[in-house]
PDB file of N, CA and C in Angstrom:
ATOM      1  N   MET A   1      -4.722 -13.860  17.193  1.00  0.00           N
ATOM      2  CA  MET A   1      -4.929 -15.221  16.751  1.00  0.00           C
ATOM      3  C   MET A   1      -4.092 -16.150  17.623  1.00  0.00           C
ATOM      4  N   PRO A   2      -4.604 -16.475  18.748  1.00  0.00           N
ATOM      5  CA  PRO A   2      -3.837 -17.295  19.689  1.00  0.00           C
ATOM      6  C   PRO A   2      -3.521 -18.701  19.195  1.00  0.00           C
ATOM      7  N   SER A   3      -4.219 -19.165  18.178  1.00  0.00           N
ATOM      8  CA  SER A   3      -3.970 -20.528  17.706  1.00  0.00           C
ATOM      9  C   SER A   3      -2.743 -20.629  16.800  1.00  0.00           C
ATOM     10  N   LEU A   4      -2.198 -19.488  16.364  1.00  0.00           N
ATOM     11  CA  LEU A   4      -1.029 -19.525  15.489  1.00  0.00           C
ATOM     12  C   LEU A   4       0.242 -19.771  16.291  1.00  0.00           C
ATOM     13  N   ASP A   5       1.098 -20.573  15.736  1.00  0.00           N
ATOM     14  CA  ASP A   5       2.385 -20.860  16.355  1.00  0.00           C
ATOM     15  C   ASP A   5       3.276 -19.618  16.249  1.00  0.00           C
ATOM     16  N   PRO A   6       3.771 -19.066  17.358  1.00  0.00           N
ATOM     17  CA  PRO A   6       4.612 -17.866  17.310  1.00  0.00           C
ATOM     18  C   PRO A   6       5.849 -18.028  16.433  1.00  0.00           C
ATOM     19  N   ALA A   7       6.417 -19.221  16.402  1.00  0.00           N
ATOM     20  CA  ALA A   7       7.595 -19.447  15.550  1.00  0.00           C
ATOM     21  C   ALA A   7       7.234 -19.307  14.078  1.00  0.00           C
ATOM     22  N   LEU A   8       6.061 -19.795  13.708  1.00  0.00           N
ATOM     23  CA  LEU A   8       5.595 -19.668  12.327  1.00  0.00           C
ATOM     24  C   LEU A   8       5.377 -18.204  11.971  1.00  0.00           C
ATOM     25  N   VAL A   9       4.755 -17.459  12.867  1.00  0.00           N
ATOM     26  CA  VAL A   9       4.517 -16.030  12.617  1.00  0.00           C
ATOM     27  C   VAL A   9       5.839 -15.301  12.430  1.00  0.00           C
ATOM     28  N   ARG A  10       6.818 -15.572  13.301  1.00  0.00           N
ATOM     29  CA  ARG A  10       8.127 -14.915  13.161  1.00  0.00           C
ATOM     30  C   ARG A  10       8.784 -15.278  11.833  1.00  0.00           C
ATOM     31  N   ARG A  11       8.663 -16.548  11.441  1.00  0.00           N
ATOM     32  CA  ARG A  11       9.285 -16.983  10.192  1.00  0.00           C
ATOM     33  C   ARG A  11       8.630 -16.317   8.984  1.00  0.00           C
ATOM     34  N   VAL A  12       7.295 -16.225   8.997  1.00  0.00           N
ATOM     35  CA  VAL A  12       6.575 -15.646   7.870  1.00  0.00           C
ATOM     36  C   VAL A  12       6.789 -14.141   7.807  1.00  0.00           C
ATOM     37  N   LEU A  13       6.735 -13.491   8.951  1.00  0.00           N
ATOM     38  CA  LEU A  13       6.858 -12.033   8.976  1.00  0.00           C
ATOM     39  C   LEU A  13       8.292 -11.552   9.113  1.00  0.00           C
ATOM     40  N   GLY A  14       9.202 -12.457   9.393  1.00  0.00           N
ATOM     41  CA  GLY A  14      10.595 -12.071   9.587  1.00  0.00           C
ATOM     42  C   GLY A  14      11.184 -11.466   8.331  1.00  0.00           C
ATOM     43  N   ARG A  15      12.014 -10.459   8.534  1.00  0.00           N
ATOM     44  CA  ARG A  15      12.631  -9.781   7.395  1.00  0.00           C
ATOM     45  C   ARG A  15      14.124  -9.795   7.619  1.00  0.00           C
ATOM     46  N   ASP A  16      14.819 -10.514   6.801  1.00  0.00           N
ATOM     47  CA  ASP A  16      16.273 -10.547   6.963  1.00  0.00           C
ATOM     48  C   ASP A  16      16.990  -9.800   5.841  1.00  0.00           C
ATOM     49  N   HIS A  17      16.245  -9.134   4.992  1.00  0.00           N
ATOM     50  CA  HIS A  17      16.862  -8.428   3.875  1.00  0.00           C
ATOM     51  C   HIS A  17      16.621  -6.925   3.931  1.00  0.00           C
ATOM     52  N   SER A  18      16.091  -6.410   5.022  1.00  0.00           N
ATOM     53  CA  SER A  18      15.751  -4.988   5.089  1.00  0.00           C
ATOM     54  C   SER A  18      16.976  -4.102   5.252  1.00  0.00           C
ATOM     55  N   HIS A  19      18.143  -4.701   5.343  1.00  0.00           N
ATOM     56  CA  HIS A  19      19.351  -3.896   5.490  1.00  0.00           C
ATOM     57  C   HIS A  19      19.891  -3.405   4.146  1.00  0.00           C
ATOM     58  N   THR A  20      19.336  -3.877   3.031  1.00  0.00           N
ATOM     59  CA  THR A  20      19.852  -3.457   1.733  1.00  0.00           C
ATOM     60  C   THR A  20      19.268  -2.103   1.338  1.00  0.00           C
ATOM     61  N   ASP A  21      20.031  -1.364   0.554  1.00  0.00           N
ATOM     62  CA  ASP A  21      19.554  -0.062   0.075  1.00  0.00           C
ATOM     63  C   ASP A  21      18.287  -0.216  -0.754  1.00  0.00           C
ATOM     64  N   ALA A  22      18.234  -1.254  -1.586  1.00  0.00           N
ATOM     65  CA  ALA A  22      17.060  -1.457  -2.437  1.00  0.00           C
ATOM     66  C   ALA A  22      15.817  -1.704  -1.589  1.00  0.00           C
ATOM     67  N   GLU A  23      15.929  -2.492  -0.524  1.00  0.00           N
ATOM     68  CA  GLU A  23      14.778  -2.778   0.332  1.00  0.00           C
ATOM     69  C   GLU A  23      14.333  -1.523   1.072  1.00  0.00           C
ATOM     70  N   ARG A  24      15.273  -0.745   1.580  1.00  0.00           N
ATOM     71  CA  ARG A  24      14.910   0.496   2.272  1.00  0.00           C
ATOM     72  C   ARG A  24      14.229   1.463   1.312  1.00  0.00           C
ATOM     73  N   GLU A  25      14.729   1.550   0.092  1.00  0.00           N
ATOM     74  CA  GLU A  25      14.109   2.425  -0.904  1.00  0.00           C
ATOM     75  C   GLU A  25      12.700   1.949  -1.244  1.00  0.00           C
ATOM     76  N   ALA A  26      12.537   0.648  -1.418  1.00  0.00           N
ATOM     77  CA  ALA A  26      11.204   0.104  -1.723  1.00  0.00           C
ATOM     78  C   ALA A  26      10.231   0.375  -0.579  1.00  0.00           C
ATOM     79  N   GLU A  27      10.678   0.218   0.657  1.00  0.00           N
ATOM     80  CA  GLU A  27       9.822   0.504   1.812  1.00  0.00           C
ATOM     81  C   GLU A  27       9.435   1.980   1.846  1.00  0.00           C
ATOM     82  N   TYR A  28      10.390   2.851   1.550  1.00  0.00           N
ATOM     83  CA  TYR A  28      10.121   4.284   1.554  1.00  0.00           C
ATOM     84  C   TYR A  28       9.095   4.656   0.482  1.00  0.00           C
ATOM     85  N   ILE A  29       9.297   4.154  -0.730  1.00  0.00           N
ATOM     86  CA  ILE A  29       8.370   4.434  -1.826  1.00  0.00           C
ATOM     87  C   ILE A  29       6.991   3.866  -1.488  1.00  0.00           C
ATOM     88  N   GLY A  30       6.956   2.665  -0.930  1.00  0.00           N
ATOM     89  CA  GLY A  30       5.683   2.068  -0.536  1.00  0.00           C
ATOM     90  C   GLY A  30       4.962   2.908   0.501  1.00  0.00           C
ATOM     91  N   SER A  31       5.707   3.465   1.446  1.00  0.00           N
ATOM     92  CA  SER A  31       5.056   4.288   2.465  1.00  0.00           C
ATOM     93  C   SER A  31       4.529   5.587   1.860  1.00  0.00           C
ATOM     94  N   LEU A  32       5.257   6.155   0.897  1.00  0.00           N
ATOM     95  CA  LEU A  32       4.770   7.366   0.224  1.00  0.00           C
ATOM     96  C   LEU A  32       3.498   7.084  -0.565  1.00  0.00           C
ATOM     97  N   ILE A  33       3.484   5.966  -1.269  1.00  0.00           N
ATOM     98  CA  ILE A  33       2.290   5.587  -2.025  1.00  0.00           C
ATOM     99  C   ILE A  33       1.128   5.349  -1.068  1.00  0.00           C
ATOM    100  N   GLY A  34       1.393   4.659   0.032  1.00  0.00           N
ATOM    101  CA  GLY A  34       0.345   4.404   1.012  1.00  0.00           C
ATOM    102  C   GLY A  34      -0.231   5.682   1.599  1.00  0.00           C
ATOM    103  N   GLN A  35       0.634   6.647   1.896  1.00  0.00           N
ATOM    104  CA  GLN A  35       0.151   7.932   2.415  1.00  0.00           C
ATOM    105  C   GLN A  35      -0.723   8.629   1.388  1.00  0.00           C
ATOM    106  N   ARG A  36      -0.298   8.599   0.157  1.00  0.00           N
ATOM    107  CA  ARG A  36      -1.058   9.259  -0.900  1.00  0.00           C
ATOM    108  C   ARG A  36      -2.409   8.577  -1.111  1.00  0.00           C
ATOM    109  N   LEU A  37      -2.404   7.251  -1.133  1.00  0.00           N
ATOM    110  CA  LEU A  37      -3.658   6.527  -1.313  1.00  0.00           C
ATOM    111  C   LEU A  37      -4.622   6.810  -0.172  1.00  0.00           C
ATOM    112  N   SER A  38      -4.111   6.854   1.043  1.00  0.00           N
ATOM    113  CA  SER A  38      -5.001   7.050   2.179  1.00  0.00           C
ATOM    114  C   SER A  38      -5.548   8.468   2.240  1.00  0.00           C
ATOM    115  N   SER A  39      -4.925   9.405   1.532  1.00  0.00           N
ATOM    116  CA  SER A  39      -5.418  10.783   1.556  1.00  0.00           C
ATOM    117  C   SER A  39      -6.357  11.078   0.387  1.00  0.00           C
ATOM    118  N   TRP A  40      -6.518  10.122  -0.530  1.00  0.00           N
ATOM    119  CA  TRP A  40      -7.427  10.334  -1.650  1.00  0.00           C
ATOM    120  C   TRP A  40      -8.861  10.258  -1.175  1.00  0.00           C
ATOM    121  N   SER A  41      -9.691  10.983  -1.830  1.00  0.00           N
ATOM    122  CA  SER A  41     -11.112  10.965  -1.495  1.00  0.00           C
ATOM    123  C   SER A  41     -11.909  10.839  -2.783  1.00  0.00           C
ATOM    124  N   THR A  42     -13.034  10.170  -2.720  1.00  0.00           N
ATOM    125  CA  THR A  42     -13.864  10.041  -3.909  1.00  0.00           C
ATOM    126  C   THR A  42     -14.483  11.375  -4.297  1.00  0.00           C
ATOM    127  N   GLU A  43     -14.518  12.312  -3.360  1.00  0.00           N
ATOM    128  CA  GLU A  43     -15.096  13.619  -3.659  1.00  0.00           C
ATOM    129  C   GLU A  43     -14.130  14.528  -4.426  1.00  0.00           C
ATOM    130  N   ARG A  44     -12.849  14.293  -4.291  1.00  0.00           N
ATOM    131  CA  ARG A  44     -11.865  15.128  -4.979  1.00  0.00           C
ATOM    132  C   ARG A  44     -11.523  14.527  -6.333  1.00  0.00           C
ATOM    133  N   ALA A  45     -11.516  15.341  -7.342  1.00  0.00           N
ATOM    134  CA  ALA A  45     -11.110  14.883  -8.675  1.00  0.00           C
ATOM    135  C   ALA A  45      -9.633  15.220  -8.873  1.00  0.00           C
ATOM    136  N   GLN A  46      -8.885  14.258  -9.317  1.00  0.00           N
ATOM    137  CA  GLN A  46      -7.467  14.451  -9.590  1.00  0.00           C
ATOM    138  C   GLN A  46      -7.257  14.446 -11.096  1.00  0.00           C
ATOM    139  N   THR A  47      -6.472  15.384 -11.595  1.00  0.00           N
ATOM    140  CA  THR A  47      -6.123  15.386 -13.009  1.00  0.00           C
ATOM    141  C   THR A  47      -5.004  14.366 -13.211  1.00  0.00           C
ATOM    142  N   VAL A  48      -5.260  13.423 -14.069  1.00  0.00           N
ATOM    143  CA  VAL A  48      -4.297  12.364 -14.327  1.00  0.00           C
ATOM    144  C   VAL A  48      -3.910  12.405 -15.791  1.00  0.00           C
ATOM    145  N   PRO A  49      -2.608  12.493 -16.072  1.00  0.00           N
ATOM    146  CA  PRO A  49      -2.194  12.467 -17.478  1.00  0.00           C
ATOM    147  C   PRO A  49      -2.541  11.117 -18.105  1.00  0.00           C
ATOM    148  N   PRO A  50      -2.873  11.110 -19.383  1.00  0.00           N
ATOM    149  CA  PRO A  50      -3.299   9.862 -20.043  1.00  0.00           C
ATOM    150  C   PRO A  50      -2.319   8.708 -19.857  1.00  0.00           C
ATOM    151  N   GLU A  51      -1.034   8.986 -19.857  1.00  0.00           N
ATOM    152  CA  GLU A  51      -0.048   7.906 -19.749  1.00  0.00           C
ATOM    153  C   GLU A  51      -0.018   7.285 -18.347  1.00  0.00           C
ATOM    154  N   ALA A  52      -0.688   7.888 -17.373  1.00  0.00           N
ATOM    155  CA  ALA A  52      -0.702   7.362 -16.006  1.00  0.00           C
ATOM    156  C   ALA A  52      -2.036   6.710 -15.645  1.00  0.00           C
ATOM    157  N   HIS A  53      -2.996   6.680 -16.552  1.00  0.00           N
ATOM    158  CA  HIS A  53      -4.316   6.132 -16.234  1.00  0.00           C
ATOM    159  C   HIS A  53      -4.249   4.682 -15.745  1.00  0.00           C
ATOM    160  N   ASP A  54      -3.474   3.840 -16.402  1.00  0.00           N
ATOM    161  CA  ASP A  54      -3.383   2.441 -16.003  1.00  0.00           C
ATOM    162  C   ASP A  54      -2.796   2.317 -14.601  1.00  0.00           C
ATOM    163  N   LEU A  55      -1.719   3.038 -14.325  1.00  0.00           N
ATOM    164  CA  LEU A  55      -1.097   2.996 -13.005  1.00  0.00           C
ATOM    165  C   LEU A  55      -2.055   3.487 -11.926  1.00  0.00           C
ATOM    166  N   VAL A  56      -2.753   4.578 -12.179  1.00  0.00           N
ATOM    167  CA  VAL A  56      -3.696   5.121 -11.204  1.00  0.00           C
ATOM    168  C   VAL A  56      -4.827   4.122 -10.942  1.00  0.00           C
ATOM    169  N   ALA A  57      -5.296   3.487 -11.974  1.00  0.00           N
ATOM    170  CA  ALA A  57      -6.367   2.502 -11.800  1.00  0.00           C
ATOM    171  C   ALA A  57      -5.892   1.336 -10.936  1.00  0.00           C
ATOM    172  N   ARG A  58      -4.663   0.856 -11.163  1.00  0.00           N
ATOM    173  CA  ARG A  58      -4.140  -0.263 -10.373  1.00  0.00           C
ATOM    174  C   ARG A  58      -3.905   0.141  -8.927  1.00  0.00           C
ATOM    175  N   LEU A  59      -3.371   1.337  -8.701  1.00  0.00           N
ATOM    176  CA  LEU A  59      -3.151   1.802  -7.332  1.00  0.00           C
ATOM    177  C   LEU A  59      -4.473   2.071  -6.621  1.00  0.00           C
ATOM    178  N   SER A  60      -5.432   2.610  -7.327  1.00  0.00           N
ATOM    179  CA  SER A  60      -6.738   2.884  -6.725  1.00  0.00           C
ATOM    180  C   SER A  60      -7.433   1.599  -6.300  1.00  0.00           C
ATOM    181  N   ALA A  61      -7.191   0.530  -7.034  1.00  0.00           N
ATOM    182  CA  ALA A  61      -7.802  -0.752  -6.686  1.00  0.00           C
ATOM    183  C   ALA A  61      -7.280  -1.287  -5.361  1.00  0.00           C
ATOM    184  N   LEU A  62      -6.125  -0.803  -4.907  1.00  0.00           N
ATOM    185  CA  LEU A  62      -5.563  -1.241  -3.632  1.00  0.00           C
ATOM    186  C   LEU A  62      -6.253  -0.592  -2.442  1.00  0.00           C
ATOM    187  N   GLU A  63      -6.893   0.533  -2.675  1.00  0.00           N
ATOM    188  CA  GLU A  63      -7.554   1.250  -1.588  1.00  0.00           C
ATOM    189  C   GLU A  63      -8.812   0.511  -1.176  1.00  0.00           C
ATOM    190  N   SER A  64      -9.041   0.381   0.143  1.00  0.00           N
ATOM    191  CA  SER A  64     -10.258  -0.291   0.585  1.00  0.00           C
ATOM    192  C   SER A  64     -11.475   0.551   0.264  1.00  0.00           C
ATOM    193  N   PRO A  65     -12.556  -0.106  -0.056  1.00  0.00           N
ATOM    194  CA  PRO A  65     -13.778   0.645  -0.376  1.00  0.00           C
ATOM    195  C   PRO A  65     -14.236   1.473   0.812  1.00  0.00           C
ATOM    196  N   ARG A  66     -14.688   2.651   0.530  1.00  0.00           N
ATOM    197  CA  ARG A  66     -15.203   3.534   1.578  1.00  0.00           C
ATOM    198  C   ARG A  66     -16.699   3.300   1.727  1.00  0.00           C
ATOM    199  N   PRO A  67     -17.192   3.362   2.966  1.00  0.00           N
ATOM    200  CA  PRO A  67     -18.647   3.217   3.138  1.00  0.00           C
ATOM    201  C   PRO A  67     -19.371   4.378   2.473  1.00  0.00           C
ATOM    202  N   SER A  68     -20.512   4.088   1.903  1.00  0.00           N
ATOM    203  CA  SER A  68     -21.260   5.156   1.224  1.00  0.00           C
ATOM    204  C   SER A  68     -21.854   6.089   2.267  1.00  0.00           C
ATOM    205  N   SER A  69     -21.991   7.347   1.892  1.00  0.00           N
ATOM    206  CA  SER A  69     -22.511   8.354   2.839  1.00  0.00           C
ATOM    207  C   SER A  69     -24.024   8.480   2.754  1.00  0.00           C
ATOM    208  N   THR A  70     -24.653   7.645   1.936  1.00  0.00           N
ATOM    209  CA  THR A  70     -26.122   7.715   1.809  1.00  0.00           C
ATOM    210  C   THR A  70     -26.786   6.657   2.615  1.00  0.00           C
TER     211      THR A  70
END
């Protein structure tokens, strides 16, 4: 996007708090969740305990739709 001001991009994407333990932990957990989401397939059925149904539904909604194979 050549029309964006580089200073604006740096300001928006800049991270000045990543040195905290909490931020590093959040990034790590986020990367684990992302890896798990990207490895899910609509063909595989996962057993989900009832108490996790809401969480699984919210996390699944983050995954981009897959093109249909038909």
